[in-house]
Structure formats: structure tokens, C-alpha cells
Amino acid sequence: MNAYQIIAKKRDGRALAADEIAYFVQGYAQNKIPDYQMSALLMAIYMHGMSFDETAVLTRSMLESGIRMNFKNMPGRKIDKHSTGGVGDKVSLILAPLVAAAGVRVPMISGRGLGHSGGTLDKLDAIPGFRTHLSIDEFYQQVEEIGVAMIGQTERICPADKKMYALRDATATIESIPLITSSILSKKLAEGIDGLVLDVKTGRGAFMKNADESRILAESLVKTAALNNLPTTVFITRMDEPLGCAAGNWLETREAIDCLKGGGPADVRELTLALGAQMLLMAQVARSEEEALARLAALLDSGAAFQKFCQLVEYQKGDVSIVHEPDRYPRSRFSHTIHATQDGSISDIDALAVGSSVIQLGGGRQVMEDQIDYKAGVLLHCKVGDGVTRGQTMATIYTDCANVVAEAARALSNAFVITSEPVQRSRIVMDVVKP
């Protein structure tokens, strides 16, 4: 068996055998197969795809390149959630402590933002002192003691995926269903969880631009997870407008805090409760969706979810006083407001344009090495369906860079569409895919 023959086989559109996939992934993880050969295989997969069986083997091979955590001696079912990413998506910050407050253990491994899509780890890093790099032992102990921990991918978890993702980013092979599927699921399988809820974002502000693409990815995720004995449910959700009102790391963290106290934007709460209810059902701690939704809503409104978040921050060495008094957070040097140019109703807010503005303001990355200004971002004062009057403030931008304000303001103004007719809001959950 050799790498050249495997590449040629997939180049010609033929299915790879399980031992061929394992050989290639393990060889690459051990630096026995060079980047240029893995790049060639990735492009062949991108061009010809993979069967569900091939994708399941690829996922398993990536998983076996590192360690797999074992929570079997810990009571209760362990459930996690993952989102494919969008603009303003701060749900994990609310959902993980909320579900933990309901008695479900949540060992969550998250990622950083790249491009217009924000990352959970960056939002946590916006809290001064918060440690997203825990050892495996620390991670395990924290999940046991308080029911939740949120960290980034370590060198010991799916090292093959980490190397392969960097190559995909450099070789224009990101948008491949089998490669997306195996990258997501290998890391989730490494957590040793008993169930997984996935949020596949759909629309301009997402990697999947339409419902058909999202449905194909959702089915790939559900079927591949089943072949690896991981019960998985996928929610397909809208991402044409930003989720919530805040886009930018600290702004989103603060909005998550509001939600954890029972407030926050309606769409963020709606989605959080929908995903959380499915997690409770998977954990077998609720008998029906209605019961799960009611329990979770009560935990938000009572402040119990917020207290669990404070406990999480304290355990991971973050400054809990900032969580309790967010007004003390440092402010951006410059701000600028965007105003409505006419009376009417907001019919559209382009999530991609908002996300791109956040990058321009210093709140995001074009490449992983870019430094982030955690204060920078965009705060929306209206949502699709809201009525506005001429001159009304629709958004505020925040940055420490004076020279980007004018251009970001123009781009953000163009993100809004105002119509003279009333606009009805769409439900955020478009579809649910189950095994």
C-alpha cells in the first residue's frame, strides 16, 4: 500500500477501502506522508466526494490519531452541541451552563473564529483571565465537579484533523461535505459523549448558503455519527440576518449574560431553548419537549443558569466581577451610529455584511494569526420585522481604529433594507434531521 496509489484511486472517482483511509490518515498524523500528498487526496475527495461508509472510516481514523476521553465512570449521560458558525452566534455560552444547570453534563470543545464567522473560544477569551486551555485531567475534573467545561482543541485531540484543516484552508477544499462531516464528528467523538446536537446554519452569513446544501450536510452528519455509534440530531437554522443584536466578542458575551439572566433577544432565547430541549431529551432527564422547554425557561428566568455560568467562569480563572458588572468592561475609543434613511420596516439585515464589518473594525480574523480587539463589533438596535422612522438609530459600531470607521459605516448602512410594507419575522429553526 502506498500514498500515490490511494491518491490515484480517489482521483479516478473510486471508493477507498477502510485500510487505505486509515493508512493515509495515520501516516499523515505521524509525518510519514507529506503535505503535498495529503493536499492531493483532499482535492480528490473535494472533487469526487465519499460514500457514508468512507466518511465514517475517515472520521474514525481522524479520531484514532489522538486520544479519546472516557467519562464512563461518571454518572449521567454526557451531551454536547456544535454549530457550523455564523454571525452573532453566542448560543454555546448560554446553552452549556443552562443545560448543566438542568443536571446534564456538558463537556464542550469549541473553536475560534475565522473570517466572518465568530468563535466561542474568542468570546470566552474576552472575559479577562478566562482559561480555554485546560489539561485533559482538568477538563475531566471540572465536568465531574460542576457539570460543564468549555475548552479548545488540544494537541492530543484529533491531531490529524488539526493538520488537515490547516491544509484545507490553504487549498480551497473547505466546502466538502465529507471533510466537514469528519472534521466536526472526529472531535466530538473524542469527547466521549453519549449524544450530540448540531446547529447547521443556513444563509448568507453561513458556510451553507441554502437549505438544500444544509440538508445534505445534516444527513451526512446524522448518518456518519450513527455509523460511529453517536446519537445525533441536527437543527437547520436561519443565518441570513445576524443572530441576536450583538456581533463582536465582548458584545456577544455581554448579550449572552443578558440571556442567562432571563433577558436578551427573542431569537437567541428561542434557539437556545430549542437546542437545549433536545439535549435534555437525549440525556433522558425530560419526558417531553414541552417539559424540557419549561424547565430550561425557568432556569433562565430564575437566574440559576447565570449562576452556573459564573461558576464556570470562576473555575476557569476568569474575572467573575466583570460578569456581574459588565459596565466596567473597557470601552472602545471610537463609536459611530447608523441611521435609517426612510420610514418603513426592516426587511433584511445582511449577516455577511455585518460579519465582514466586525473584521474590518478589528473584532475578527482573516487568518488564524491575526490579533483580535475583543471590544470591537456591531450592536444592532433593530431586527428584521421592526418598524423604523427616518433618522432612527439602527446600529452602533465600536472600534479602536479611527481610520476604519467611515468605510465600516458605509458597508453596514448597505446591510439594511427598509421597505414600506410590514414584514413578518420567520422562525429561526427551518428543519430538524434525526436518525
Protein backbone atom coordinates (compact mmCIF):
# COMPACT_ATOMS: atom_id res chain seq x y z
CA MET A 1 0.00 0.00 0.00
CA ASN A 2 1.34 3.46 -0.86
CA ALA A 3 0.07 7.04 -0.88
CA TYR A 4 0.41 7.51 -4.65
CA GLN A 5 -1.92 4.62 -5.45
CA ILE A 6 -4.51 5.81 -2.93
CA ILE A 7 -4.49 9.33 -4.37
CA ALA A 8 -4.84 7.96 -7.92
CA LYS A 9 -7.75 5.74 -6.88
CA LYS A 10 -9.77 8.62 -5.43
CA ARG A 11 -8.69 10.91 -8.32
CA ASP A 12 -10.38 8.43 -10.64
CA GLY A 13 -13.58 8.57 -8.58
CA ARG A 14 -13.35 5.15 -6.94
CA ALA A 15 -14.22 4.36 -3.33
CA LEU A 16 -11.33 3.89 -0.90
CA ALA A 17 -11.11 0.82 1.33
CA ALA A 18 -11.12 1.27 5.10
CA ASP A 19 -7.48 0.22 5.46
CA GLU A 20 -6.43 2.69 2.73
CA ILE A 21 -8.10 5.62 4.52
CA ALA A 22 -6.64 4.59 7.88
CA TYR A 23 -3.18 4.17 6.36
CA PHE A 24 -3.25 7.64 4.83
CA VAL A 25 -4.61 9.50 7.87
CA GLN A 26 -2.31 7.78 10.37
CA GLY A 27 0.66 8.24 8.07
CA TYR A 28 -0.07 11.94 7.76
CA ALA A 29 -0.57 12.37 11.50
CA GLN A 30 2.81 10.70 12.09
CA ASN A 31 4.55 12.90 9.46
CA LYS A 32 5.21 9.90 7.21
CA ILE A 33 3.05 11.32 4.41
CA PRO A 34 3.92 14.87 3.29
CA ASP A 35 1.58 17.86 2.96
CA TYR A 36 1.62 17.78 -0.83
CA GLN A 37 0.26 14.24 -0.95
CA MET A 38 -2.44 14.95 1.64
CA SER A 39 -3.35 18.09 -0.34
CA ALA A 40 -3.78 15.95 -3.44
CA LEU A 41 -6.05 13.49 -1.61
CA LEU A 42 -8.11 16.32 -0.11
CA MET A 43 -8.68 17.80 -3.57
CA ALA A 44 -9.64 14.38 -4.95
CA ILE A 45 -12.18 13.98 -2.10
CA TYR A 46 -13.45 17.52 -2.77
CA MET A 47 -13.96 16.70 -6.46
CA HIS A 48 -15.43 13.18 -6.16
CA GLY A 49 -16.90 13.04 -2.65
CA MET A 50 -17.14 10.00 -0.38
CA SER A 51 -19.79 7.45 0.50
CA PHE A 52 -21.22 7.43 4.03
CA ASP A 53 -19.13 4.35 4.80
CA GLU A 54 -15.94 6.08 3.57
CA THR A 55 -16.79 9.21 5.56
CA ALA A 56 -17.39 7.13 8.70
CA VAL A 57 -13.99 5.45 8.32
CA LEU A 58 -12.31 8.82 7.67
CA THR A 59 -13.95 10.18 10.84
CA ARG A 60 -12.82 7.17 12.88
CA SER A 61 -9.26 7.38 11.52
CA MET A 62 -9.02 11.06 12.43
CA LEU A 63 -10.37 10.26 15.91
CA GLU A 64 -7.82 7.47 16.40
CA SER A 65 -4.92 9.81 15.57
CA GLY A 66 -5.27 11.13 19.15
CA ILE A 67 -6.84 10.28 22.47
CA ARG A 68 -10.49 9.62 23.26
CA MET A 69 -11.81 10.83 26.59
CA ASN A 70 -13.63 8.37 28.79
CA PHE A 71 -16.48 9.58 31.00
CA LYS A 72 -17.99 6.14 31.52
CA ASN A 73 -17.23 6.13 35.26
CA MET A 74 -19.03 9.46 35.67
CA PRO A 75 -22.79 9.17 36.34
CA GLY A 76 -25.28 10.58 33.86
CA ARG A 77 -25.27 10.95 30.10
CA LYS A 78 -22.83 13.44 28.59
CA ILE A 79 -24.28 15.61 25.79
CA ASP A 80 -22.66 18.32 23.66
CA LYS A 81 -23.68 20.82 20.99
CA HIS A 82 -21.82 22.22 18.00
CA SER A 83 -22.64 24.96 15.49
CA THR A 84 -21.25 25.31 11.99
CA GLY A 85 -20.85 29.01 12.75
CA GLY A 86 -22.47 32.28 11.84
CA VAL A 87 -22.66 35.96 12.73
CA GLY A 88 -23.72 36.78 16.28
CA ASP A 89 -23.90 33.12 17.32
CA LYS A 90 -23.24 33.21 21.06
CA VAL A 91 -25.60 30.32 21.87
CA SER A 92 -22.92 27.98 23.29
CA LEU A 93 -22.11 30.49 26.04
CA ILE A 94 -25.73 30.31 27.19
CA LEU A 95 -26.52 26.72 26.34
CA ALA A 96 -23.65 24.90 28.06
CA PRO A 97 -24.24 26.34 31.57
CA LEU A 98 -28.02 26.25 31.08
CA VAL A 99 -28.09 22.54 30.26
CA ALA A 100 -25.59 21.85 33.05
CA ALA A 101 -27.90 23.68 35.46
CA ALA A 102 -30.60 21.21 34.39
CA GLY A 103 -28.41 18.33 35.56
CA VAL A 104 -26.79 17.24 32.27
CA ARG A 105 -23.00 17.03 31.98
CA VAL A 106 -21.68 19.11 29.06
CA PRO A 107 -18.02 18.57 28.05
CA MET A 108 -17.66 21.15 25.27
CA ILE A 109 -14.68 21.53 22.93
CA SER A 110 -15.07 24.67 20.82
CA GLY A 111 -13.20 26.58 18.14
CA ARG A 112 -12.02 30.06 17.25
CA GLY A 113 -13.48 32.41 14.69
CA LEU A 114 -12.12 32.65 11.16
CA GLY A 115 -13.44 35.04 8.53
CA HIS A 116 -16.89 36.48 9.15
CA SER A 117 -17.87 33.63 11.48
CA GLY A 118 -17.18 34.22 15.18
CA GLY A 119 -15.79 31.58 17.53
CA THR A 120 -16.92 30.52 21.01
CA LEU A 121 -13.36 30.49 22.38
CA ASP A 122 -12.81 34.12 21.35
CA LYS A 123 -15.97 35.16 23.18
CA LEU A 124 -14.76 33.36 26.31
CA ASP A 125 -11.30 34.89 25.92
CA ALA A 126 -12.98 38.30 26.03
CA ILE A 127 -13.53 37.64 29.75
CA PRO A 128 -10.27 38.72 31.45
CA GLY A 129 -8.26 35.75 32.74
CA PHE A 130 -10.54 33.03 31.32
CA ARG A 131 -8.53 29.86 30.57
CA THR A 132 -9.63 27.98 27.46
CA HIS A 133 -6.53 25.75 27.57
CA LEU A 134 -7.10 23.10 30.24
CA SER A 135 -5.31 19.80 30.54
CA ILE A 136 -7.39 16.69 29.87
CA ASP A 137 -7.30 15.91 33.61
CA GLU A 138 -8.50 19.43 34.49
CA PHE A 139 -11.24 19.18 31.88
CA TYR A 140 -12.44 15.84 33.23
CA GLN A 141 -12.35 17.00 36.85
CA GLN A 142 -14.32 20.16 36.09
CA VAL A 143 -17.05 18.27 34.23
CA GLU A 144 -17.30 15.92 37.21
CA GLU A 145 -17.44 18.73 39.80
CA ILE A 146 -19.69 21.36 38.18
CA GLY A 147 -21.11 19.55 35.14
CA VAL A 148 -19.62 21.76 32.43
CA ALA A 149 -16.28 22.81 30.92
CA MET A 150 -15.51 24.73 27.72
CA ILE A 151 -12.09 24.39 26.12
CA GLY A 152 -10.32 24.43 22.76
CA GLN A 153 -8.89 21.53 20.81
CA THR A 154 -5.67 20.28 22.40
CA GLU A 155 -2.65 18.74 20.69
CA ARG A 156 -3.79 15.30 21.89
CA ILE A 157 -7.30 15.52 20.45
CA CYS A 158 -7.57 14.60 16.76
CA PRO A 159 -4.14 15.91 15.70
CA ALA A 160 -4.80 14.63 12.17
CA ASP A 161 -7.85 16.91 11.92
CA LYS A 162 -5.88 19.93 13.07
CA LYS A 163 -3.24 19.37 10.36
CA MET A 164 -5.78 18.55 7.69
CA TYR A 165 -7.93 21.60 8.44
CA ALA A 166 -4.95 23.90 8.01
CA LEU A 167 -4.31 22.33 4.59
CA ARG A 168 -7.98 22.59 3.60
CA ASP A 169 -7.93 26.28 4.46
CA ALA A 170 -4.88 26.78 2.20
CA THR A 171 -6.03 24.56 -0.69
CA ALA A 172 -9.65 25.71 -1.20
CA THR A 173 -11.11 22.39 0.00
CA ILE A 174 -13.09 23.67 3.00
CA GLU A 175 -16.51 23.28 1.34
CA SER A 176 -16.56 19.49 1.11
CA ILE A 177 -19.40 17.60 2.82
CA PRO A 178 -17.30 14.51 3.76
CA LEU A 179 -14.42 16.68 5.02
CA ILE A 180 -16.72 18.98 7.03
CA THR A 181 -18.52 15.95 8.47
CA SER A 182 -15.36 14.11 9.51
CA SER A 183 -13.78 17.24 10.99
CA ILE A 184 -16.79 18.01 13.19
CA LEU A 185 -17.55 14.46 14.29
CA SER A 186 -13.99 13.29 14.97
CA LYS A 187 -13.59 15.99 17.62
CA LYS A 188 -17.00 15.31 19.13
CA LEU A 189 -16.36 11.56 19.27
CA ALA A 190 -13.08 12.32 21.05
CA GLU A 191 -15.07 13.92 23.87
CA GLY A 192 -16.54 10.54 24.79
CA ILE A 193 -20.09 11.94 24.78
CA ASP A 194 -23.35 9.98 24.68
CA GLY A 195 -25.27 12.30 22.37
CA LEU A 196 -24.77 15.33 20.13
CA VAL A 197 -26.96 18.20 18.97
CA LEU A 198 -25.74 20.10 15.90
CA ASP A 199 -26.79 23.50 14.57
CA VAL A 200 -26.21 23.81 10.81
CA LYS A 201 -26.51 27.48 9.91
CA THR A 202 -28.05 28.37 6.55
CA GLY A 203 -27.93 31.61 4.58
CA ARG A 204 -25.60 34.44 3.60
CA GLY A 205 -23.86 34.54 6.96
CA ALA A 206 -23.19 30.77 6.99
CA PHE A 207 -20.95 28.35 5.12
CA MET A 208 -24.06 26.57 3.81
CA LYS A 209 -25.87 29.14 1.65
CA ASN A 210 -29.19 27.37 1.07
CA ALA A 211 -31.49 24.82 2.66
CA ASP A 212 -30.67 22.09 0.13
CA GLU A 213 -26.93 22.26 0.92
CA SER A 214 -27.69 22.26 4.63
CA ARG A 215 -29.98 19.24 4.34
CA ILE A 216 -27.23 17.27 2.55
CA LEU A 217 -24.72 18.17 5.28
CA ALA A 218 -27.24 17.39 8.04
CA GLU A 219 -27.94 13.94 6.62
CA SER A 220 -24.22 13.27 6.24
CA LEU A 221 -23.63 14.22 9.87
CA VAL A 222 -26.52 12.13 11.21
CA LYS A 223 -25.67 9.02 9.17
CA THR A 224 -21.92 9.22 9.77
CA ALA A 225 -22.47 9.73 13.50
CA ALA A 226 -24.78 6.70 13.57
CA LEU A 227 -22.10 4.58 11.90
CA ASN A 228 -19.82 5.64 14.78
CA ASN A 229 -22.49 4.89 17.44
CA LEU A 230 -23.13 8.53 18.37
CA PRO A 231 -26.84 9.52 18.50
CA THR A 232 -27.05 12.89 16.75
CA THR A 233 -29.80 15.39 15.93
CA VAL A 234 -29.23 18.29 13.52
CA PHE A 235 -31.14 21.57 13.56
CA ILE A 236 -31.06 23.60 10.34
CA THR A 237 -31.37 27.26 11.32
CA ARG A 238 -31.51 30.63 9.57
CA MET A 239 -28.43 32.81 9.19
CA ASP A 240 -29.45 35.48 6.66
CA GLU A 241 -29.55 38.10 9.42
CA PRO A 242 -27.28 38.05 12.48
CA LEU A 243 -28.42 36.02 15.47
CA GLY A 244 -29.36 38.40 18.25
CA CYS A 245 -28.27 42.04 18.27
CA ALA A 246 -24.54 41.80 19.06
CA ALA A 247 -21.71 40.83 16.70
CA GLY A 248 -18.19 41.00 18.12
CA ASN A 249 -16.64 39.12 21.00
CA TRP A 250 -17.30 41.08 24.19
CA LEU A 251 -20.57 42.49 22.81
CA GLU A 252 -21.76 38.91 22.26
CA THR A 253 -20.53 37.73 25.64
CA ARG A 254 -22.46 40.56 27.27
CA GLU A 255 -25.58 39.65 25.30
CA ALA A 256 -25.15 36.03 26.43
CA ILE A 257 -25.02 37.26 30.04
CA ASP A 258 -28.31 39.12 29.48
CA CYS A 259 -29.87 35.92 28.13
CA LEU A 260 -28.59 33.90 31.08
CA LYS A 261 -30.43 36.35 33.34
CA GLY A 262 -33.71 35.77 31.51
CA GLY A 263 -33.43 38.67 29.04
CA GLY A 264 -31.72 39.08 25.70
CA PRO A 265 -33.06 38.99 22.14
CA ALA A 266 -36.02 36.73 21.41
CA ASP A 267 -34.32 34.82 18.58
CA VAL A 268 -31.31 33.91 20.75
CA ARG A 269 -33.58 32.64 23.52
CA GLU A 270 -35.78 30.71 21.05
CA LEU A 271 -32.84 28.88 19.51
CA THR A 272 -31.12 28.22 22.85
CA LEU A 273 -34.27 26.66 24.27
CA ALA A 274 -34.86 24.52 21.16
CA LEU A 275 -31.32 23.10 21.17
CA GLY A 276 -31.30 22.71 24.94
CA ALA A 277 -34.59 20.82 24.98
CA GLN A 278 -33.16 18.26 22.56
CA MET A 279 -30.08 17.89 24.78
CA LEU A 280 -32.30 17.18 27.81
CA LEU A 281 -34.26 14.59 25.84
CA MET A 282 -31.05 12.89 24.73
CA ALA A 283 -29.84 12.85 28.32
CA GLN A 284 -33.15 11.28 29.36
CA VAL A 285 -33.78 13.88 32.05
CA ALA A 286 -37.03 15.13 30.45
CA ARG A 287 -40.00 13.08 29.21
CA SER A 288 -41.21 15.51 26.54
CA GLU A 289 -40.10 18.55 24.59
CA GLU A 290 -42.69 20.66 26.43
CA GLU A 291 -41.31 19.61 29.81
CA ALA A 292 -37.73 20.29 28.68
CA LEU A 293 -38.59 23.75 27.32
CA ALA A 294 -40.41 24.71 30.52
CA ARG A 295 -37.53 23.55 32.75
CA LEU A 296 -34.94 25.45 30.73
CA ALA A 297 -37.01 28.63 30.57
CA ALA A 298 -37.40 28.51 34.36
CA LEU A 299 -33.64 28.11 34.82
CA LEU A 300 -33.02 31.20 32.68
CA ASP A 301 -35.69 33.31 34.35
CA SER A 302 -34.70 32.32 37.90
CA GLY A 303 -31.03 33.18 37.42
CA ALA A 304 -29.90 29.58 38.02
CA ALA A 305 -28.33 29.37 34.54
CA PHE A 306 -26.46 32.62 35.19
CA GLN A 307 -25.11 31.27 38.47
CA LYS A 308 -23.86 28.16 36.68
CA PHE A 309 -22.11 30.40 34.13
CA CYS A 310 -20.46 32.34 36.96
CA GLN A 311 -19.28 29.04 38.43
CA LEU A 312 -17.85 28.06 35.03
CA VAL A 313 -16.00 31.37 34.73
CA GLU A 314 -14.63 31.08 38.26
CA TYR A 315 -13.41 27.50 37.72
CA GLN A 316 -11.61 28.56 34.53
CA LYS A 317 -9.98 31.53 36.29
CA GLY A 318 -11.99 34.26 34.58
CA ASP A 319 -12.85 37.57 36.24
CA VAL A 320 -16.32 36.89 37.66
CA SER A 321 -16.69 40.52 38.78
CA ILE A 322 -16.87 41.60 35.11
CA VAL A 323 -19.64 39.07 34.55
CA HIS A 324 -21.57 40.57 37.45
CA GLU A 325 -20.76 44.17 36.44
CA PRO A 326 -20.31 44.21 32.64
CA ASP A 327 -20.45 48.02 32.54
CA ARG A 328 -16.92 48.03 33.99
CA TYR A 329 -15.52 46.44 30.80
CA PRO A 330 -13.14 48.74 28.88
CA ARG A 331 -14.82 50.73 26.10
CA SER A 332 -13.73 51.21 22.51
CA ARG A 333 -12.07 54.52 21.69
CA PHE A 334 -14.44 55.24 18.82
CA SER A 335 -18.12 54.61 18.13
CA HIS A 336 -20.41 55.59 15.29
CA THR A 337 -24.17 55.24 14.79
CA ILE A 338 -26.02 54.15 11.64
CA HIS A 339 -29.41 55.76 10.98
CA ALA A 340 -32.49 54.86 8.95
CA THR A 341 -32.79 56.81 5.71
CA GLN A 342 -36.59 56.43 5.48
CA ASP A 343 -39.68 55.32 7.36
CA GLY A 344 -40.72 51.68 6.99
CA SER A 345 -39.99 48.15 8.16
CA ILE A 346 -36.66 46.33 8.21
CA SER A 347 -36.96 43.57 5.60
CA ASP A 348 -33.32 42.42 5.62
CA ILE A 349 -30.05 42.76 7.53
CA ASP A 350 -27.21 41.11 5.61
CA ALA A 351 -25.40 38.87 8.10
CA LEU A 352 -22.33 38.53 5.87
CA ALA A 353 -22.00 42.32 5.59
CA VAL A 354 -22.30 42.67 9.38
CA GLY A 355 -19.73 39.94 9.98
CA SER A 356 -17.34 41.50 7.47
CA SER A 357 -17.73 44.85 9.22
CA VAL A 358 -16.73 43.25 12.52
CA ILE A 359 -13.49 42.03 10.92
CA GLN A 360 -12.83 45.49 9.50
CA LEU A 361 -13.36 47.03 12.93
CA GLY A 362 -10.74 44.68 14.44
CA GLY A 363 -13.09 42.14 16.01
CA GLY A 364 -12.33 39.15 13.77
CA ARG A 365 -9.64 37.27 11.84
CA GLN A 366 -8.77 36.86 8.19
CA VAL A 367 -6.04 34.34 9.14
CA MET A 368 -5.61 32.45 12.42
CA GLU A 369 -2.54 34.53 13.38
CA ASP A 370 -4.49 37.83 13.41
CA GLN A 371 -4.88 39.58 16.76
CA ILE A 372 -8.40 40.43 17.93
CA ASP A 373 -9.75 43.54 19.62
CA TYR A 374 -12.34 41.94 21.91
CA LYS A 375 -14.19 45.25 22.36
CA ALA A 376 -14.76 45.85 18.63
CA GLY A 377 -18.01 44.99 16.94
CA VAL A 378 -21.51 45.95 15.90
CA LEU A 379 -24.60 46.38 18.06
CA LEU A 380 -27.93 46.26 16.23
CA HIS A 381 -30.79 48.33 17.63
CA CYS A 382 -33.43 46.77 15.38
CA LYS A 383 -34.13 43.40 13.78
CA VAL A 384 -35.91 42.17 10.65
CA GLY A 385 -39.61 42.90 11.07
CA ASP A 386 -39.11 46.00 13.23
CA GLY A 387 -40.56 49.33 12.14
CA VAL A 388 -38.24 52.35 11.90
CA THR A 389 -38.57 56.06 11.27
CA ARG A 390 -36.23 58.26 9.25
CA GLY A 391 -33.21 59.22 11.38
CA GLN A 392 -33.72 56.40 13.91
CA THR A 393 -30.54 54.67 15.11
CA MET A 394 -30.33 51.17 13.60
CA ALA A 395 -26.83 50.15 14.71
CA THR A 396 -23.69 51.29 16.54
CA ILE A 397 -20.15 50.31 15.59
CA TYR A 398 -17.25 50.12 18.07
CA THR A 399 -13.53 50.14 17.32
CA ASP A 400 -10.15 51.43 18.48
CA CYS A 401 -9.15 52.25 14.86
CA ALA A 402 -10.33 55.66 13.69
CA ASN A 403 -9.30 55.05 10.08
CA VAL A 404 -11.80 52.20 9.55
CA VAL A 405 -14.92 53.91 10.91
CA ALA A 406 -16.12 55.61 7.71
CA GLU A 407 -15.74 52.58 5.45
CA ALA A 408 -17.27 50.19 8.01
CA ALA A 409 -20.19 52.59 8.49
CA ARG A 410 -20.89 52.70 4.74
CA ALA A 411 -20.77 48.91 4.47
CA LEU A 412 -23.04 48.46 7.48
CA SER A 413 -25.56 51.01 6.16
CA ASN A 414 -25.84 48.96 2.98
CA ALA A 415 -26.57 45.83 5.04
CA PHE A 416 -30.04 47.18 5.94
CA VAL A 417 -33.02 47.03 3.61
CA ILE A 418 -36.11 49.08 4.53
CA THR A 419 -39.47 48.50 2.84
CA SER A 420 -42.75 50.38 3.05
CA GLU A 421 -44.71 47.16 3.64
CA PRO A 422 -44.96 45.34 7.01
CA VAL A 423 -42.52 42.42 7.31
CA GLN A 424 -43.27 39.17 9.09
CA ARG A 425 -40.45 37.52 11.05
CA SER A 426 -39.52 33.94 10.12
CA ARG A 427 -38.98 31.22 12.69
CA ILE A 428 -35.31 30.57 13.25
CA VAL A 429 -35.48 26.75 13.11
CA MET A 430 -36.06 25.67 9.50
CA ASP A 431 -35.84 21.90 9.88
CA VAL A 432 -34.72 19.12 12.23
CA VAL A 433 -32.93 16.00 10.97
CA LYS A 434 -32.86 12.91 13.20
CA PRO A 435 -31.58 9.35 12.70
